[in-house]
């Protein structure tokens, strides 16, 4: 039985007992969960209207003098459809100009009318928060190829107007500049090719440290981009410095200041000439220029390359985990639904670690990148890592 019919039955039973007058209203009303005022109300309605008086009545007032007229609703609808990007304030100004001498509704009233007519702006659905992780201290380099630092020095133009973006890579322990390449932009594919050559020449580092900007980091799961996800798949740990704290990569920034002062004031005529000039500077910095932190020795006397066999991306997971390969649109299929994981992991396998309840942790190698909840629809809940500073 519905709540309305159940309420009607209770009121009818109450009224029948009240009309018999076998008990006082002060005793009868608490038996039905009514106040004395409500009891007298239902009794009076039944005496005047019969059983129809026991139905619930609408609370809407009979007259609404301040209600927006149908004419203004039509005008608001027509103007909104022709000016879809306008908000309620702009629409009110437009109505005032279109209908001079008349007073249009207030901006807040127009906003409520738009929502009732389903013409309001659709709010973007917020991504549900995933697991939060606090990162520890940055790794202290103890040998050559332990920690590499990488960054893009700020762009500048050559004398012919060509914009260039120097990519700089440096060994933290020995201060040895591994490479400075003059690139036209910050796309990740050319950076990947440069690192393939560096790995073949010098070996693989244990850690690569960088800032959070493109193409190294993103705002996605664990901050990984296509480039940093590739490093992670190669078994290299990526370390992001805290946002807005370049001092955490201070040695690299100091090298940038020296490089800028000695090679860009003024810049070369063309990009190729700037690259040749940069190569000469790198040789001088590594082999001739003494470094105070190294006991006035040049970095070339301290750095020791460690060439190794070429690695291939390899990700391993526990045997009892499930795993899925990320499709070209960044999605996987889990429990009959497509779930967006992230474009950074396209082509790789991600591991799904069962968690109690209808959810699982999503891992990229050793790194937790988010959680999948069966109650959610669409994307996974991305993990966020923050570094204490």
Protein backbone atom coordinates (compact mmCIF):
# COMPACT_ATOMS: atom_id res chain seq x y z
CA UNK A 1 0.00 0.00 0.00
CA UNK A 2 1.31 3.45 -0.90
CA UNK A 3 2.04 6.09 1.71
CA UNK A 4 -0.90 8.24 0.51
CA UNK A 5 -3.42 5.37 0.84
CA UNK A 6 -1.95 4.37 4.21
CA UNK A 7 -2.32 7.94 5.45
CA UNK A 8 -5.92 8.07 4.20
CA UNK A 9 -6.79 4.83 6.01
CA UNK A 10 -5.33 6.10 9.28
CA UNK A 11 -7.20 9.41 9.05
CA UNK A 12 -10.48 7.67 8.23
CA UNK A 13 -10.09 5.35 11.23
CA UNK A 14 -9.30 8.33 13.45
CA UNK A 15 -12.33 10.32 12.25
CA UNK A 16 -14.71 7.37 12.83
CA UNK A 17 -13.53 7.04 16.43
CA UNK A 18 -13.64 10.80 16.97
CA UNK A 19 -17.25 11.02 15.74
CA UNK A 20 -18.33 8.26 18.13
CA UNK A 21 -17.01 10.43 20.99
CA UNK A 22 -16.13 7.38 23.05
CA UNK A 23 -12.73 8.85 23.94
CA UNK A 24 -11.50 12.39 24.45
CA UNK A 25 -9.42 14.04 21.73
CA UNK A 26 -6.47 14.40 24.14
CA UNK A 27 -6.30 10.58 24.41
CA UNK A 28 -7.29 9.71 20.83
CA UNK A 29 -4.81 11.96 18.95
CA UNK A 30 -1.59 10.46 20.44
CA UNK A 31 -2.81 6.99 19.46
CA UNK A 32 -2.64 8.06 15.77
CA UNK A 33 0.45 10.24 16.10
CA UNK A 34 -1.51 13.50 15.70
CA UNK A 35 -1.55 16.74 17.62
CA UNK A 36 -4.89 17.95 19.00
CA UNK A 37 -4.88 20.78 16.46
CA UNK A 38 -4.48 18.31 13.55
CA UNK A 39 -7.13 16.02 15.04
CA UNK A 40 -9.74 18.77 15.13
CA UNK A 41 -8.72 19.80 11.58
CA UNK A 42 -9.32 16.35 10.08
CA UNK A 43 -12.62 15.95 11.98
CA UNK A 44 -13.89 19.32 10.75
CA UNK A 45 -12.89 18.58 7.13
CA UNK A 46 -14.69 15.22 7.20
CA UNK A 47 -17.87 16.84 8.57
CA UNK A 48 -17.83 19.51 5.85
CA UNK A 49 -16.53 17.60 2.76
CA UNK A 50 -16.82 13.93 3.61
CA UNK A 51 -14.03 11.54 2.66
CA UNK A 52 -12.67 14.01 0.08
CA UNK A 53 -11.63 16.29 2.92
CA UNK A 54 -9.13 13.71 4.16
CA UNK A 55 -6.92 13.97 1.06
CA UNK A 56 -3.70 16.04 1.18
CA UNK A 57 -4.12 19.49 -0.31
CA UNK A 58 -1.59 21.31 -2.49
CA UNK A 59 0.37 24.01 -0.71
CA UNK A 60 0.63 26.16 -3.80
CA UNK A 61 -1.02 29.56 -3.25
CA UNK A 62 -4.14 30.40 -5.25
CA UNK A 63 -2.57 33.59 -6.57
CA UNK A 64 1.11 34.55 -7.16
CA UNK A 65 1.23 38.25 -8.03
CA UNK A 66 5.04 38.24 -8.31
CA UNK A 67 5.26 35.14 -10.49
CA UNK A 68 7.05 35.58 -13.82
CA UNK A 69 4.44 35.89 -16.55
CA UNK A 70 4.17 33.44 -19.40
CA UNK A 71 5.01 36.24 -21.83
CA UNK A 72 8.38 36.87 -20.18
CA UNK A 73 9.12 33.13 -20.10
CA UNK A 74 8.62 32.96 -23.87
CA UNK A 75 10.87 35.99 -24.38
CA UNK A 76 13.59 34.52 -22.18
CA UNK A 77 13.44 31.21 -24.05
CA UNK A 78 13.71 32.84 -27.48
CA UNK A 79 16.61 35.11 -26.49
CA UNK A 80 18.46 32.26 -24.79
CA UNK A 81 18.24 30.06 -27.87
CA UNK A 82 19.74 32.81 -30.01
CA UNK A 83 22.41 33.72 -27.41
CA UNK A 84 23.45 30.39 -25.94
CA UNK A 85 26.67 31.68 -24.35
CA UNK A 86 24.95 34.52 -22.46
CA UNK A 87 24.34 34.26 -18.76
CA UNK A 88 21.35 35.57 -16.84
CA UNK A 89 22.81 39.08 -16.40
CA UNK A 90 23.53 39.53 -20.09
CA UNK A 91 20.10 38.15 -20.98
CA UNK A 92 18.46 40.74 -18.71
CA UNK A 93 20.34 43.54 -20.46
CA UNK A 94 19.32 42.10 -23.83
CA UNK A 95 15.66 41.93 -22.78
CA UNK A 96 15.77 45.53 -21.55
CA UNK A 97 17.11 46.73 -24.92
CA UNK A 98 14.72 44.58 -26.94
CA UNK A 99 11.63 45.64 -24.96
CA UNK A 100 12.21 49.26 -23.90
CA UNK A 101 9.80 50.72 -21.37
CA UNK A 102 9.13 47.30 -19.79
CA UNK A 103 10.78 45.89 -16.69
CA UNK A 104 12.31 42.45 -17.28
CA UNK A 105 12.70 39.92 -14.42
CA UNK A 106 15.76 40.08 -12.19
CA UNK A 107 18.90 38.19 -13.19
CA UNK A 108 18.40 35.58 -10.46
CA UNK A 109 14.81 35.03 -11.60
CA UNK A 110 15.99 34.57 -15.19
CA UNK A 111 18.54 32.01 -13.95
CA UNK A 112 15.82 30.02 -12.16
CA UNK A 113 13.62 30.14 -15.27
CA UNK A 114 16.47 28.83 -17.43
CA UNK A 115 17.02 25.89 -15.06
CA UNK A 116 13.31 25.03 -15.08
CA UNK A 117 13.32 25.08 -18.88
CA UNK A 118 16.55 22.99 -18.98
CA UNK A 119 18.33 25.82 -20.74
CA UNK A 120 20.92 26.51 -18.03
CA UNK A 121 24.61 25.85 -18.41
CA UNK A 122 25.56 22.28 -17.68
CA UNK A 123 28.12 22.05 -14.93
CA UNK A 124 31.11 19.87 -15.62
CA UNK A 125 31.03 16.72 -13.55
CA UNK A 126 33.83 16.71 -11.01
CA UNK A 127 36.23 13.80 -11.04
CA UNK A 128 35.86 11.79 -7.86
CA UNK A 129 38.96 11.93 -5.70
CA UNK A 130 41.17 8.89 -5.74
CA UNK A 131 43.84 7.77 -3.26
CA UNK A 132 46.10 10.50 -1.88
CA UNK A 133 49.78 9.72 -1.35
CA UNK A 134 52.56 11.73 0.31
CA UNK A 135 55.99 11.38 -1.30
CA UNK A 136 59.18 11.24 0.74
CA UNK A 137 62.36 13.25 0.38
CA UNK A 138 64.15 13.58 -2.94
CA UNK A 139 66.87 11.05 -3.70
CA UNK A 140 70.43 12.10 -2.86
CA UNK A 141 72.77 11.14 -5.70
CA UNK A 142 75.55 8.81 -4.57
CA UNK A 143 77.23 7.90 -7.85
CA UNK A 144 77.23 8.65 -11.56
CA UNK A 145 73.98 7.77 -13.35
CA UNK A 146 72.16 7.56 -10.03
CA UNK A 147 70.00 10.66 -10.62
CA UNK A 148 69.55 12.59 -13.86
CA UNK A 149 67.87 15.97 -13.92
CA UNK A 150 66.02 17.21 -16.99
CA UNK A 151 64.30 20.44 -17.92
CA UNK A 152 63.51 22.82 -20.74
CA UNK A 153 65.36 26.10 -20.48
CA UNK A 154 63.08 29.02 -21.25
CA UNK A 155 62.55 29.57 -24.96
CA UNK A 156 64.22 32.36 -26.93
CA UNK A 157 64.61 33.38 -30.56
CA UNK A 158 67.59 33.33 -32.84
CA UNK A 159 68.40 36.44 -34.83
CA UNK A 160 66.37 35.23 -37.80
CA UNK A 161 63.25 35.05 -35.58
CA UNK A 162 63.18 31.26 -35.12
CA UNK A 163 61.83 30.16 -31.74
CA UNK A 164 63.86 27.43 -30.03
CA UNK A 165 63.41 25.38 -26.85
CA UNK A 166 66.69 24.00 -25.41
CA UNK A 167 66.27 20.59 -23.71
CA UNK A 168 68.90 20.11 -20.99
CA UNK A 169 69.89 16.81 -19.31
CA UNK A 170 72.43 16.64 -16.49
CA UNK A 171 73.90 14.05 -14.11
CA UNK A 172 73.28 15.24 -10.56
CA UNK A 173 76.23 13.56 -8.85
CA UNK A 174 79.01 14.69 -11.22
CA UNK A 175 77.27 17.86 -12.59
CA UNK A 176 78.08 16.48 -16.04
CA UNK A 177 75.89 17.92 -18.81
CA UNK A 178 74.74 14.91 -20.80
CA UNK A 179 72.98 16.81 -23.55
CA UNK A 180 71.57 20.16 -24.59
CA UNK A 181 69.50 19.94 -27.75
CA UNK A 182 67.88 22.91 -29.46
CA UNK A 183 64.31 21.90 -30.33
CA UNK A 184 61.52 23.84 -32.05
CA UNK A 185 58.89 22.88 -29.43
CA UNK A 186 58.25 20.71 -26.36
CA UNK A 187 56.60 17.70 -27.98
CA UNK A 188 57.39 14.44 -26.21
CA UNK A 189 58.34 12.35 -29.27
CA UNK A 190 61.60 14.25 -30.08
CA UNK A 191 62.50 14.15 -26.37
CA UNK A 192 62.01 10.37 -26.37
CA UNK A 193 64.37 10.00 -29.35
CA UNK A 194 67.02 12.09 -27.58
CA UNK A 195 66.78 9.91 -24.47
CA UNK A 196 67.10 6.74 -26.54
CA UNK A 197 70.46 8.03 -27.78
CA UNK A 198 71.51 9.05 -24.27
CA UNK A 199 70.62 5.63 -22.84
CA UNK A 200 72.65 3.90 -25.57
CA UNK A 201 75.67 6.17 -24.97
CA UNK A 202 75.72 6.61 -21.18
CA UNK A 203 73.45 3.89 -19.74
CA UNK A 204 70.24 4.07 -17.72
CA UNK A 205 69.83 6.19 -14.59
CA UNK A 206 68.02 4.95 -11.49
CA UNK A 207 66.05 8.18 -11.10
CA UNK A 208 65.04 11.04 -13.39
CA UNK A 209 64.07 14.27 -11.64
CA UNK A 210 62.06 17.04 -13.31
CA UNK A 211 59.38 19.65 -12.78
CA UNK A 212 55.65 19.12 -13.31
CA UNK A 213 55.35 20.83 -16.69
CA UNK A 214 54.84 19.36 -20.14
CA UNK A 215 56.06 17.04 -21.57
CA UNK A 216 57.35 15.52 -18.32
CA UNK A 217 54.24 15.73 -16.14
CA UNK A 218 50.49 16.26 -16.36
CA UNK A 219 47.53 16.71 -14.04
CA UNK A 220 46.45 13.11 -14.71
CA UNK A 221 46.91 9.96 -12.60
CA UNK A 222 50.14 10.12 -10.54
CA UNK A 223 51.16 13.12 -12.68
CA UNK A 224 52.51 10.86 -15.43
CA UNK A 225 52.69 11.87 -19.08
CA UNK A 226 53.43 9.69 -22.11
CA UNK A 227 57.13 10.43 -21.61
CA UNK A 228 57.36 9.82 -17.86
CA UNK A 229 55.17 6.69 -18.21
CA UNK A 230 57.71 5.37 -20.73
CA UNK A 231 60.53 6.01 -18.25
CA UNK A 232 58.57 4.18 -15.56
CA UNK A 233 58.02 1.20 -17.88
CA UNK A 234 61.79 1.05 -18.43
CA UNK A 235 62.30 0.64 -14.68
CA UNK A 236 63.40 4.24 -14.02
CA UNK A 237 61.82 6.02 -11.05
CA UNK A 238 60.51 9.47 -11.89
CA UNK A 239 60.64 12.21 -9.28
CA UNK A 240 58.66 15.44 -9.60
CA UNK A 241 59.73 18.44 -7.59
CA UNK A 242 57.03 20.30 -5.66
CA UNK A 243 55.11 22.79 -7.85
CA UNK A 244 56.51 26.30 -7.55
CA UNK A 245 59.75 25.16 -5.90
CA UNK A 246 62.56 25.24 -8.50
CA UNK A 247 65.11 25.30 -5.66
CA UNK A 248 64.53 21.55 -5.31
CA UNK A 249 66.35 21.30 -8.65
CA UNK A 250 68.67 24.20 -7.87
CA UNK A 251 71.83 22.79 -9.44
CA UNK A 252 70.08 22.41 -12.79
CA UNK A 253 68.71 25.97 -12.59
CA UNK A 254 72.20 27.31 -11.80
CA UNK A 255 73.54 25.56 -14.91
CA UNK A 256 70.75 27.22 -16.89
CA UNK A 257 71.86 30.67 -15.72
CA UNK A 258 75.44 30.05 -16.84
CA UNK A 259 74.28 28.61 -20.16
CA UNK A 260 72.01 31.58 -20.84
CA UNK A 261 74.66 34.16 -19.95
CA UNK A 262 77.34 32.59 -22.16
CA UNK A 263 75.36 31.45 -25.24
CA UNK A 264 72.27 33.62 -25.71
CA UNK A 265 73.45 37.22 -25.27
CA UNK A 266 73.23 37.70 -28.16
CA UNK A 267 71.82 34.56 -29.75
CA UNK A 268 73.14 33.07 -32.97
CA UNK A 269 71.89 33.90 -36.44
CA UNK A 270 70.13 30.55 -37.02
CA UNK A 271 69.07 27.48 -35.04
CA UNK A 272 71.87 25.29 -36.44
CA UNK A 273 74.47 27.87 -35.51
CA UNK A 274 72.96 28.06 -32.02
CA UNK A 275 73.26 24.26 -31.69
CA UNK A 276 76.96 24.34 -32.73
CA UNK A 277 77.57 27.12 -30.24
CA UNK A 278 75.77 25.10 -27.56
CA UNK A 279 77.87 21.99 -28.28
CA UNK A 280 81.08 24.00 -27.82
CA UNK A 281 79.72 25.36 -24.53
CA UNK A 282 78.83 21.86 -23.27
CA UNK A 283 82.37 20.62 -24.01
CA UNK A 284 83.88 23.61 -22.19
CA UNK A 285 81.50 23.12 -19.22
CA UNK A 286 82.25 19.40 -18.91
CA UNK A 287 85.97 19.20 -19.69
CA UNK A 288 87.55 22.59 -18.95
CA UNK A 289 85.47 24.71 -16.58
CA UNK A 290 86.31 23.89 -12.92
CA UNK A 291 83.40 23.27 -10.58
CA UNK A 292 83.58 24.43 -6.98
CA UNK A 293 81.41 21.59 -5.59
CA UNK A 294 83.83 19.08 -7.18
CA UNK A 295 86.97 20.54 -5.62
CA UNK A 296 87.62 22.76 -8.67
CA UNK A 297 87.66 19.74 -10.95
CA UNK A 298 85.66 19.72 -14.20
CA UNK A 299 82.65 17.36 -14.29
CA UNK A 300 84.29 15.21 -16.97
CA UNK A 301 86.86 13.97 -14.46
CA UNK A 302 84.13 12.75 -12.08
CA UNK A 303 81.45 11.33 -14.36
CA UNK A 304 81.61 7.63 -15.26
CA UNK A 305 79.20 6.35 -17.91
CA UNK A 306 77.63 2.92 -17.40
CA UNK A 307 76.53 1.62 -20.84
CA UNK A 308 74.22 -1.38 -20.65
CA UNK A 309 72.16 -3.50 -22.99
CA UNK A 310 69.12 -1.79 -24.47
CA UNK A 311 66.05 -2.20 -22.28
CA UNK A 312 62.50 -2.73 -23.44
CA UNK A 313 59.45 -1.54 -21.50
CA UNK A 314 58.49 -4.33 -19.12
CA UNK A 315 55.81 -4.28 -16.43
CA UNK A 316 55.21 -7.18 -14.06
CA UNK A 317 52.39 -7.79 -11.59
CA UNK A 318 51.44 -10.33 -8.93
CA UNK A 319 50.01 -13.61 -10.20
CA UNK A 320 46.64 -13.24 -8.49
CA UNK A 321 46.06 -9.79 -10.02
CA UNK A 322 44.11 -9.17 -13.17
CA UNK A 323 45.67 -7.04 -15.89
CA UNK A 324 44.31 -5.09 -18.82
CA UNK A 325 45.97 -3.50 -21.85
CA UNK A 326 45.07 0.17 -22.24
CA UNK A 327 43.40 0.89 -25.57
CA UNK A 328 44.19 3.73 -27.96
CA UNK A 329 41.53 5.92 -26.32
CA UNK A 330 42.98 5.44 -22.83
CA UNK A 331 40.25 3.00 -21.73
CA UNK A 332 40.13 -0.52 -20.35
CA UNK A 333 37.17 -2.85 -19.86
CA UNK A 334 36.40 -3.87 -16.27
CA UNK A 335 33.31 -5.74 -15.12
CA UNK A 336 31.44 -5.20 -18.35
CA UNK A 337 32.08 -1.45 -18.62
CA UNK A 338 34.64 0.74 -20.32
CA UNK A 339 36.71 2.71 -17.82
CA UNK A 340 39.00 5.61 -18.70
CA UNK A 341 42.45 5.14 -17.15
CA UNK A 342 44.58 7.75 -18.92
CA UNK A 343 46.19 8.48 -22.27
CA UNK A 344 49.66 8.28 -20.72
CA UNK A 345 49.28 4.47 -20.46
CA UNK A 346 48.15 3.73 -24.02
CA UNK A 347 49.58 0.41 -25.21
CA UNK A 348 50.77 -0.71 -21.75
CA UNK A 349 49.30 -3.28 -19.39
CA UNK A 350 47.97 -2.08 -16.04
CA UNK A 351 47.53 -4.34 -13.02
CA UNK A 352 44.28 -4.55 -11.07
CA UNK A 353 44.79 -5.34 -7.38
CA UNK A 354 41.59 -6.51 -5.61
CA UNK A 355 40.51 -4.41 -2.64
CA UNK A 356 37.79 -5.44 -0.24
CA UNK A 357 34.44 -4.26 -1.46
CA UNK A 358 33.55 -3.76 -5.10
CA UNK A 359 36.71 -1.88 -6.02
CA UNK A 360 40.30 -2.45 -7.06
CA UNK A 361 43.57 -0.55 -7.18
CA UNK A 362 45.04 0.21 -10.62
CA UNK A 363 48.83 -0.10 -10.82
CA UNK A 364 51.30 0.90 -13.51
CA UNK A 365 54.28 -1.24 -12.59
CA UNK A 366 55.00 -0.53 -8.92
CA UNK A 367 53.07 2.75 -8.99
CA UNK A 368 49.45 3.10 -7.84
CA UNK A 369 47.70 5.32 -10.38
CA UNK A 370 44.09 5.13 -9.18
CA UNK A 371 41.12 3.06 -8.04
CA UNK A 372 38.15 1.56 -9.87
CA UNK A 373 34.80 1.48 -8.04
CA UNK A 374 31.98 -0.68 -9.35
CA UNK A 375 29.49 2.01 -8.32
CA UNK A 376 31.19 4.59 -10.58
CA UNK A 377 30.47 5.06 -14.25
CA UNK A 378 33.22 6.09 -16.65
CA UNK A 379 36.66 7.11 -15.44
CA UNK A 380 38.71 5.68 -12.62
CA UNK A 381 39.48 7.73 -9.53
CA UNK A 382 43.04 9.00 -10.19
CA UNK A 383 45.74 8.87 -7.53
CA UNK A 384 47.42 12.12 -6.54
CA UNK A 385 50.96 12.34 -5.21
CA UNK A 386 52.19 15.40 -3.36
CA UNK A 387 55.71 16.15 -2.19
CA UNK A 388 56.40 17.75 1.15
CA UNK A 389 58.57 20.85 1.00
